[in-house]
Amino acid sequence: MLLGLIGRSTADLDVVAIIEHGRYLKATTLPTDLQEVVRATSAVMGIRPDWINPGPTSLLDLGLPEGFAERTIERVYGTLVMHLAGRNDQVFLKLYAAADQGPHSKHFEDLLALEASEEELLGGARWTLTHDPSPGFRQELIRALVALGVENAELRI
């Protein structure tokens, strides 16, 4: 939404990493000054106090898509500098979540709104399997790809 790629509003902002000295670090604990801003924003805007969601930081355990950092788009809001996942990486991340949560999830709807190409979806599928190679996940991934219009998905990932 911050990039204008989709129009759906969200209840939170997913945080994958904190960048320190050019390195991506897990966002398990947000910097103190950011925590203060999150609390203040929550109080002023009347939104959930957990509107910053560091849950996706676990993606760093097995790695982000190759070249992720180079494709981020920088946005500056006062003293806050954000590096937002580029469109291709959004497709990869959304496909991972859609395969995990099913065809009725918001992530699946986001993939439709992004109008992801077969090439993007197949690239995303290959990346997601590096994070969850289990047979059950693979089956759900194939179902998601087929629902998104990828022909012969099982043979192409």
N, C-alpha and C. Protein backbone atom coordinates (compact mmCIF):
# COMPACT_ATOMS: atom_id res chain seq x y z
N MET A 1 0.83 -1.18 0.00
CA MET A 1 0.00 0.00 0.00
C MET A 1 0.88 1.25 0.00
N LEU A 2 1.98 1.24 0.75
CA LEU A 2 2.86 2.41 0.80
C LEU A 2 3.49 2.72 -0.56
N LEU A 3 3.59 1.71 -1.41
CA LEU A 3 4.15 1.90 -2.74
C LEU A 3 3.08 2.17 -3.79
N GLY A 4 1.81 2.09 -3.39
CA GLY A 4 0.74 2.29 -4.34
C GLY A 4 0.48 1.10 -5.24
N LEU A 5 0.96 -0.08 -4.85
CA LEU A 5 0.77 -1.27 -5.66
C LEU A 5 -0.60 -1.90 -5.47
N ILE A 6 -1.15 -1.76 -4.27
CA ILE A 6 -2.49 -2.26 -3.97
C ILE A 6 -3.21 -1.19 -3.16
N GLY A 7 -4.51 -1.27 -3.13
CA GLY A 7 -5.28 -0.26 -2.43
C GLY A 7 -5.81 -0.71 -1.07
N ARG A 8 -5.64 -1.99 -0.75
CA ARG A 8 -6.19 -2.52 0.49
C ARG A 8 -5.45 -1.93 1.69
N SER A 9 -6.22 -1.41 2.64
CA SER A 9 -5.58 -0.92 3.86
C SER A 9 -5.27 -2.11 4.77
N THR A 10 -4.32 -1.91 5.66
CA THR A 10 -3.92 -2.99 6.56
C THR A 10 -3.97 -2.51 8.00
N ALA A 11 -4.01 -3.46 8.91
CA ALA A 11 -4.06 -3.12 10.33
C ALA A 11 -2.68 -2.97 10.93
N ASP A 12 -1.67 -3.45 10.19
CA ASP A 12 -0.31 -3.37 10.73
C ASP A 12 0.70 -3.20 9.61
N LEU A 13 1.93 -2.98 10.01
CA LEU A 13 3.04 -2.83 9.09
C LEU A 13 4.05 -3.92 9.42
N ASP A 14 4.27 -4.83 8.46
CA ASP A 14 5.20 -5.93 8.68
C ASP A 14 6.63 -5.43 8.58
N VAL A 15 7.44 -5.81 9.55
CA VAL A 15 8.86 -5.44 9.57
C VAL A 15 9.68 -6.71 9.46
N VAL A 16 10.53 -6.75 8.44
CA VAL A 16 11.39 -7.92 8.24
C VAL A 16 12.72 -7.74 8.95
N ALA A 17 13.25 -6.52 8.93
CA ALA A 17 14.59 -6.32 9.49
C ALA A 17 14.78 -4.87 9.91
N ILE A 18 15.77 -4.70 10.75
CA ILE A 18 16.29 -3.38 11.09
C ILE A 18 17.64 -3.31 10.37
N ILE A 19 17.91 -2.21 9.72
CA ILE A 19 19.18 -2.08 9.00
C ILE A 19 20.14 -1.26 9.86
N GLU A 20 21.27 -1.87 10.17
CA GLU A 20 22.33 -1.18 10.93
C GLU A 20 23.63 -1.34 10.17
N HIS A 21 24.23 -0.22 9.82
CA HIS A 21 25.50 -0.21 9.09
C HIS A 21 25.41 -1.07 7.83
N GLY A 22 24.26 -0.99 7.14
CA GLY A 22 24.09 -1.72 5.89
C GLY A 22 23.77 -3.19 6.02
N ARG A 23 23.62 -3.67 7.25
CA ARG A 23 23.32 -5.09 7.49
C ARG A 23 21.88 -5.25 7.96
N TYR A 24 21.23 -6.30 7.47
CA TYR A 24 19.88 -6.62 7.90
C TYR A 24 19.97 -7.44 9.18
N LEU A 25 19.35 -6.93 10.24
CA LEU A 25 19.33 -7.62 11.53
C LEU A 25 17.89 -7.94 11.89
N LYS A 26 17.71 -9.05 12.60
CA LYS A 26 16.35 -9.44 13.02
C LYS A 26 15.72 -8.32 13.84
N ALA A 27 14.44 -8.11 13.61
CA ALA A 27 13.70 -7.04 14.28
C ALA A 27 12.94 -7.56 15.50
N THR A 28 13.52 -8.53 16.19
CA THR A 28 12.84 -9.09 17.35
C THR A 28 12.62 -8.04 18.44
N THR A 29 13.57 -7.13 18.57
CA THR A 29 13.41 -6.01 19.48
C THR A 29 13.65 -4.73 18.69
N LEU A 30 12.63 -3.90 18.65
CA LEU A 30 12.76 -2.64 17.92
C LEU A 30 13.60 -1.66 18.73
N PRO A 31 14.33 -0.77 18.04
CA PRO A 31 15.10 0.25 18.76
C PRO A 31 14.18 1.07 19.68
N THR A 32 14.71 1.49 20.81
CA THR A 32 13.92 2.20 21.83
C THR A 32 13.20 3.41 21.26
N ASP A 33 13.89 4.22 20.45
CA ASP A 33 13.24 5.42 19.90
C ASP A 33 12.09 5.04 18.97
N LEU A 34 12.22 3.95 18.22
CA LEU A 34 11.12 3.50 17.37
C LEU A 34 9.96 2.98 18.21
N GLN A 35 10.25 2.26 19.28
CA GLN A 35 9.19 1.79 20.18
C GLN A 35 8.38 2.95 20.73
N GLU A 36 9.07 4.04 21.09
CA GLU A 36 8.39 5.22 21.61
C GLU A 36 7.48 5.85 20.56
N VAL A 37 7.96 5.92 19.33
CA VAL A 37 7.17 6.48 18.23
C VAL A 37 5.95 5.60 17.96
N VAL A 38 6.14 4.29 18.00
CA VAL A 38 5.04 3.36 17.78
C VAL A 38 3.96 3.57 18.84
N ARG A 39 4.37 3.67 20.11
CA ARG A 39 3.41 3.89 21.20
C ARG A 39 2.68 5.23 21.02
N ALA A 40 3.42 6.27 20.73
CA ALA A 40 2.82 7.60 20.58
C ALA A 40 1.86 7.63 19.39
N THR A 41 2.25 7.02 18.30
CA THR A 41 1.39 6.98 17.12
C THR A 41 0.11 6.21 17.42
N SER A 42 0.24 5.12 18.14
CA SER A 42 -0.92 4.33 18.52
C SER A 42 -1.90 5.17 19.34
N ALA A 43 -1.38 5.91 20.31
CA ALA A 43 -2.23 6.73 21.18
C ALA A 43 -2.89 7.87 20.40
N VAL A 44 -2.13 8.54 19.57
CA VAL A 44 -2.66 9.70 18.83
C VAL A 44 -3.66 9.27 17.77
N MET A 45 -3.34 8.19 17.05
CA MET A 45 -4.19 7.75 15.94
C MET A 45 -5.31 6.81 16.37
N GLY A 46 -5.25 6.33 17.61
CA GLY A 46 -6.28 5.41 18.09
C GLY A 46 -6.20 4.06 17.38
N ILE A 47 -4.99 3.61 17.09
CA ILE A 47 -4.82 2.32 16.45
C ILE A 47 -4.18 1.33 17.41
N ARG A 48 -4.15 0.08 17.00
CA ARG A 48 -3.60 -0.98 17.85
C ARG A 48 -2.17 -0.66 18.25
N PRO A 49 -1.80 -0.96 19.50
CA PRO A 49 -0.43 -0.70 19.93
C PRO A 49 0.59 -1.61 19.24
N ASP A 50 0.13 -2.70 18.65
CA ASP A 50 1.05 -3.61 17.95
C ASP A 50 0.96 -3.44 16.43
N TRP A 51 0.76 -2.20 16.01
CA TRP A 51 0.61 -1.94 14.57
C TRP A 51 1.91 -2.12 13.80
N ILE A 52 3.03 -2.20 14.48
CA ILE A 52 4.29 -2.60 13.86
C ILE A 52 4.47 -4.08 14.19
N ASN A 53 4.53 -4.91 13.16
CA ASN A 53 4.56 -6.36 13.32
C ASN A 53 5.92 -6.93 12.93
N PRO A 54 6.75 -7.28 13.91
CA PRO A 54 8.06 -7.86 13.58
C PRO A 54 8.00 -9.37 13.33
N GLY A 55 6.82 -9.94 13.25
CA GLY A 55 6.70 -11.39 13.01
C GLY A 55 7.46 -11.89 11.80
N PRO A 56 7.41 -11.18 10.67
CA PRO A 56 8.11 -11.66 9.47
C PRO A 56 9.63 -11.63 9.56
N THR A 57 10.18 -11.14 10.67
CA THR A 57 11.65 -11.10 10.80
C THR A 57 12.26 -12.50 10.74
N SER A 58 11.45 -13.53 11.00
CA SER A 58 11.95 -14.90 10.92
C SER A 58 12.36 -15.27 9.49
N LEU A 59 11.90 -14.50 8.51
CA LEU A 59 12.33 -14.75 7.13
C LEU A 59 13.85 -14.66 6.98
N LEU A 60 14.49 -13.89 7.85
CA LEU A 60 15.94 -13.75 7.77
C LEU A 60 16.66 -15.05 8.11
N ASP A 61 16.01 -15.93 8.85
CA ASP A 61 16.65 -17.19 9.23
C ASP A 61 17.11 -18.00 8.02
N LEU A 62 16.27 -18.05 6.99
CA LEU A 62 16.59 -18.83 5.79
C LEU A 62 16.90 -17.96 4.58
N GLY A 63 16.78 -16.66 4.75
CA GLY A 63 17.19 -15.75 3.69
C GLY A 63 16.06 -15.13 2.90
N LEU A 64 16.27 -13.89 2.55
CA LEU A 64 15.34 -13.16 1.69
C LEU A 64 15.65 -13.51 0.23
N PRO A 65 14.74 -13.20 -0.68
CA PRO A 65 15.04 -13.46 -2.09
C PRO A 65 16.35 -12.79 -2.51
N GLU A 66 17.11 -13.47 -3.35
CA GLU A 66 18.39 -12.93 -3.80
C GLU A 66 18.20 -11.54 -4.42
N GLY A 67 19.02 -10.60 -4.00
CA GLY A 67 18.95 -9.23 -4.52
C GLY A 67 17.92 -8.35 -3.85
N PHE A 68 17.28 -8.85 -2.79
CA PHE A 68 16.22 -8.13 -2.10
C PHE A 68 16.64 -6.71 -1.74
N ALA A 69 17.79 -6.58 -1.09
CA ALA A 69 18.24 -5.27 -0.60
C ALA A 69 18.39 -4.25 -1.73
N GLU A 70 18.86 -4.70 -2.88
CA GLU A 70 19.07 -3.80 -4.01
C GLU A 70 17.75 -3.34 -4.63
N ARG A 71 16.69 -4.10 -4.42
CA ARG A 71 15.39 -3.75 -5.02
C ARG A 71 14.49 -2.96 -4.08
N THR A 72 14.91 -2.75 -2.84
CA THR A 72 14.05 -2.01 -1.92
C THR A 72 13.90 -0.57 -2.39
N ILE A 73 12.80 0.02 -1.98
CA ILE A 73 12.50 1.39 -2.33
C ILE A 73 12.48 2.19 -1.03
N GLU A 74 13.31 3.21 -0.99
CA GLU A 74 13.46 4.00 0.23
C GLU A 74 12.36 5.06 0.33
N ARG A 75 11.78 5.15 1.51
CA ARG A 75 10.81 6.19 1.82
C ARG A 75 11.26 6.82 3.14
N VAL A 76 11.18 8.14 3.21
CA VAL A 76 11.59 8.86 4.41
C VAL A 76 10.37 9.58 4.97
N TYR A 77 10.10 9.34 6.25
CA TYR A 77 9.00 9.97 6.97
C TYR A 77 9.63 10.65 8.19
N GLY A 78 9.95 11.93 8.06
CA GLY A 78 10.65 12.63 9.14
C GLY A 78 12.01 12.00 9.34
N THR A 79 12.25 11.49 10.54
CA THR A 79 13.53 10.84 10.82
C THR A 79 13.49 9.33 10.58
N LEU A 80 12.34 8.83 10.22
CA LEU A 80 12.20 7.39 9.95
C LEU A 80 12.50 7.11 8.49
N VAL A 81 13.48 6.25 8.25
CA VAL A 81 13.84 5.83 6.90
C VAL A 81 13.41 4.38 6.75
N MET A 82 12.56 4.13 5.76
CA MET A 82 12.06 2.77 5.53
C MET A 82 12.57 2.29 4.18
N HIS A 83 12.89 1.01 4.13
CA HIS A 83 13.27 0.36 2.88
C HIS A 83 12.17 -0.66 2.59
N LEU A 84 11.32 -0.35 1.64
CA LEU A 84 10.15 -1.16 1.34
C LEU A 84 10.48 -2.21 0.28
N ALA A 85 9.96 -3.40 0.47
CA ALA A 85 10.18 -4.47 -0.50
C ALA A 85 9.63 -4.03 -1.85
N GLY A 86 10.43 -4.24 -2.89
CA GLY A 86 10.01 -3.92 -4.25
C GLY A 86 8.89 -4.86 -4.71
N ARG A 87 8.30 -4.53 -5.85
CA ARG A 87 7.15 -5.27 -6.36
C ARG A 87 7.44 -6.77 -6.50
N ASN A 88 8.55 -7.13 -7.14
CA ASN A 88 8.87 -8.54 -7.34
C ASN A 88 8.97 -9.27 -6.00
N ASP A 89 9.61 -8.63 -5.03
CA ASP A 89 9.73 -9.25 -3.71
C ASP A 89 8.39 -9.31 -2.99
N GLN A 90 7.54 -8.32 -3.24
CA GLN A 90 6.18 -8.38 -2.69
C GLN A 90 5.46 -9.63 -3.20
N VAL A 91 5.62 -9.92 -4.49
CA VAL A 91 5.01 -11.12 -5.07
C VAL A 91 5.54 -12.36 -4.36
N PHE A 92 6.85 -12.44 -4.19
CA PHE A 92 7.44 -13.61 -3.54
C PHE A 92 6.89 -13.78 -2.12
N LEU A 93 6.90 -12.70 -1.34
CA LEU A 93 6.46 -12.75 0.05
C LEU A 93 4.96 -13.04 0.15
N LYS A 94 4.19 -12.42 -0.74
CA LYS A 94 2.74 -12.67 -0.72
C LYS A 94 2.41 -14.10 -1.12
N LEU A 95 3.16 -14.65 -2.08
CA LEU A 95 2.92 -16.04 -2.48
C LEU A 95 3.21 -16.98 -1.32
N TYR A 96 4.28 -16.73 -0.60
CA TYR A 96 4.61 -17.56 0.56
C TYR A 96 3.46 -17.53 1.57
N ALA A 97 2.96 -16.35 1.85
CA ALA A 97 1.86 -16.21 2.81
C ALA A 97 0.56 -16.80 2.27
N ALA A 98 0.31 -16.60 0.97
CA ALA A 98 -0.93 -17.12 0.37
C ALA A 98 -0.95 -18.64 0.37
N ALA A 99 0.19 -19.26 0.08
CA ALA A 99 0.25 -20.73 0.10
C ALA A 99 0.05 -21.24 1.51
N ASP A 100 0.54 -20.49 2.48
CA ASP A 100 0.41 -20.88 3.88
C ASP A 100 -1.01 -20.68 4.40
N GLN A 101 -1.66 -19.60 3.97
CA GLN A 101 -2.97 -19.25 4.53
C GLN A 101 -4.16 -19.58 3.62
N GLY A 102 -3.91 -19.97 2.40
CA GLY A 102 -4.97 -20.43 1.52
C GLY A 102 -5.52 -19.39 0.56
N PRO A 103 -6.37 -19.87 -0.38
CA PRO A 103 -6.87 -19.03 -1.46
C PRO A 103 -7.89 -17.96 -1.04
N HIS A 104 -8.34 -18.01 0.19
CA HIS A 104 -9.30 -17.00 0.64
C HIS A 104 -8.62 -15.94 1.52
N SER A 105 -7.30 -15.96 1.54
CA SER A 105 -6.57 -15.03 2.39
C SER A 105 -6.39 -13.68 1.71
N LYS A 106 -6.09 -12.67 2.51
CA LYS A 106 -5.82 -11.33 1.99
C LYS A 106 -4.57 -11.34 1.10
N HIS A 107 -3.64 -12.24 1.39
CA HIS A 107 -2.41 -12.32 0.60
C HIS A 107 -2.69 -12.81 -0.82
N PHE A 108 -3.63 -13.75 -0.93
CA PHE A 108 -4.03 -14.24 -2.25
C PHE A 108 -4.69 -13.10 -3.03
N GLU A 109 -5.56 -12.35 -2.37
CA GLU A 109 -6.21 -11.20 -3.01
C GLU A 109 -5.17 -10.17 -3.45
N ASP A 110 -4.14 -9.98 -2.62
CA ASP A 110 -3.07 -9.03 -2.97
C ASP A 110 -2.32 -9.50 -4.22
N LEU A 111 -2.08 -10.80 -4.34
CA LEU A 111 -1.40 -11.32 -5.53
C LEU A 111 -2.23 -11.06 -6.78
N LEU A 112 -3.54 -11.21 -6.66
CA LEU A 112 -4.41 -10.90 -7.80
C LEU A 112 -4.32 -9.42 -8.15
N ALA A 113 -4.32 -8.57 -7.14
CA ALA A 113 -4.22 -7.12 -7.38
C ALA A 113 -2.87 -6.75 -7.99
N LEU A 114 -1.81 -7.46 -7.62
CA LEU A 114 -0.48 -7.19 -8.16
C LEU A 114 -0.33 -7.68 -9.60
N GLU A 115 -1.29 -8.49 -10.04
CA GLU A 115 -1.26 -9.04 -11.39
C GLU A 115 0.09 -9.68 -11.69
N ALA A 116 0.50 -10.55 -10.79
CA ALA A 116 1.79 -11.22 -10.91
C ALA A 116 1.83 -12.09 -12.16
N SER A 117 2.95 -12.03 -12.87
CA SER A 117 3.13 -12.85 -14.06
C SER A 117 3.47 -14.29 -13.66
N GLU A 118 3.34 -15.21 -14.62
CA GLU A 118 3.73 -16.59 -14.35
C GLU A 118 5.19 -16.67 -13.94
N GLU A 119 6.03 -15.91 -14.61
CA GLU A 119 7.47 -15.91 -14.30
C GLU A 119 7.71 -15.47 -12.86
N GLU A 120 7.04 -14.41 -12.44
CA GLU A 120 7.19 -13.94 -11.06
C GLU A 120 6.69 -14.98 -10.08
N LEU A 121 5.55 -15.57 -10.37
CA LEU A 121 4.97 -16.57 -9.47
C LEU A 121 5.86 -17.81 -9.37
N LEU A 122 6.40 -18.26 -10.48
CA LEU A 122 7.27 -19.43 -10.44
C LEU A 122 8.57 -19.13 -9.70
N GLY A 123 9.12 -17.94 -9.91
CA GLY A 123 10.31 -17.54 -9.15
C GLY A 123 10.01 -17.48 -7.67
N GLY A 124 8.85 -16.93 -7.33
CA GLY A 124 8.43 -16.87 -5.93
C GLY A 124 8.22 -18.26 -5.35
N ALA A 125 7.66 -19.15 -6.16
CA ALA A 125 7.42 -20.53 -5.70
C ALA A 125 8.74 -21.22 -5.37
N ARG A 126 9.72 -21.05 -6.23
CA ARG A 126 11.03 -21.68 -5.99
C ARG A 126 11.65 -21.14 -4.71
N TRP A 127 11.52 -19.83 -4.50
CA TRP A 127 12.07 -19.24 -3.27
C TRP A 127 11.32 -19.75 -2.04
N THR A 128 9.99 -19.82 -2.09
CA THR A 128 9.23 -20.26 -0.91
C THR A 128 9.62 -21.67 -0.49
N LEU A 129 9.95 -22.51 -1.47
CA LEU A 129 10.33 -23.89 -1.15
C LEU A 129 11.67 -23.97 -0.43
N THR A 130 12.47 -22.91 -0.46
CA THR A 130 13.70 -22.89 0.33
C THR A 130 13.37 -22.64 1.80
N HIS A 131 12.18 -22.13 2.06
CA HIS A 131 11.76 -21.86 3.44
C HIS A 131 10.90 -22.98 4.00
N ASP A 132 10.15 -23.63 3.14
CA ASP A 132 9.33 -24.76 3.61
C ASP A 132 9.27 -25.81 2.50
N PRO A 133 10.17 -26.77 2.55
CA PRO A 133 10.19 -27.80 1.51
C PRO A 133 9.25 -28.98 1.80
N SER A 134 8.43 -28.87 2.82
CA SER A 134 7.58 -30.00 3.21
C SER A 134 6.57 -30.33 2.10
N PRO A 135 6.21 -31.61 1.98
CA PRO A 135 5.24 -32.02 0.96
C PRO A 135 3.89 -31.31 1.11
N GLY A 136 3.45 -31.09 2.35
CA GLY A 136 2.17 -30.41 2.56
C GLY A 136 2.19 -28.98 2.04
N PHE A 137 3.27 -28.26 2.34
CA PHE A 137 3.38 -26.89 1.85
C PHE A 137 3.45 -26.87 0.33
N ARG A 138 4.23 -27.79 -0.22
CA ARG A 138 4.36 -27.85 -1.69
C ARG A 138 3.00 -28.03 -2.34
N GLN A 139 2.16 -28.89 -1.77
CA GLN A 139 0.82 -29.11 -2.33
C GLN A 139 -0.02 -27.83 -2.26
N GLU A 140 0.06 -27.13 -1.13
CA GLU A 140 -0.70 -25.87 -1.00
C GLU A 140 -0.15 -24.82 -1.97
N LEU A 141 1.15 -24.80 -2.15
CA LEU A 141 1.77 -23.88 -3.09
C LEU A 141 1.28 -24.16 -4.51
N ILE A 142 1.25 -25.41 -4.90
CA ILE A 142 0.78 -25.79 -6.23
C ILE A 142 -0.68 -25.37 -6.40
N ARG A 143 -1.50 -25.60 -5.39
CA ARG A 143 -2.91 -25.18 -5.45
C ARG A 143 -3.02 -23.66 -5.66
N ALA A 144 -2.20 -22.92 -4.94
CA ALA A 144 -2.22 -21.46 -5.08
C ALA A 144 -1.81 -21.06 -6.49
N LEU A 145 -0.74 -21.67 -7.01
CA LEU A 145 -0.27 -21.33 -8.35
C LEU A 145 -1.34 -21.63 -9.40
N VAL A 146 -1.97 -22.79 -9.28
CA VAL A 146 -3.03 -23.16 -10.23
C VAL A 146 -4.18 -22.15 -10.15
N ALA A 147 -4.56 -21.79 -8.94
CA ALA A 147 -5.65 -20.81 -8.76
C ALA A 147 -5.27 -19.44 -9.33
N LEU A 148 -3.98 -19.16 -9.40
CA LEU A 148 -3.50 -17.90 -9.97
C LEU A 148 -3.25 -18.00 -11.47
N GLY A 149 -3.56 -19.16 -12.05
CA GLY A 149 -3.49 -19.31 -13.50
C GLY A 149 -2.20 -19.88 -14.04
N VAL A 150 -1.35 -20.44 -13.18
CA VAL A 150 -0.09 -21.03 -13.65
C VAL A 150 -0.37 -22.45 -14.12
N GLU A 151 -0.16 -22.69 -15.41
CA GLU A 151 -0.39 -24.01 -15.96
C GLU A 151 0.77 -24.95 -15.66
N ASN A 152 0.46 -26.21 -15.41
CA ASN A 152 1.46 -27.25 -15.14
C ASN A 152 2.39 -26.84 -13.99
N ALA A 153 1.83 -26.21 -12.98
CA ALA A 153 2.63 -25.67 -11.86
C ALA A 153 3.50 -26.74 -11.22
N GLU A 154 2.95 -27.92 -11.04
CA GLU A 154 3.70 -28.98 -10.35
C GLU A 154 5.00 -29.33 -11.09
N LEU A 155 4.95 -29.28 -12.39
CA LEU A 155 6.12 -29.65 -13.19
C LEU A 155 7.12 -28.50 -13.34
N ARG A 156 6.69 -27.28 -13.01
CA ARG A 156 7.51 -26.11 -13.32
C ARG A 156 8.23 -25.51 -12.12
N ILE A 157 7.97 -26.05 -10.93
CA ILE A 157 8.67 -25.50 -9.75
C ILE A 157 9.76 -26.42 -9.27
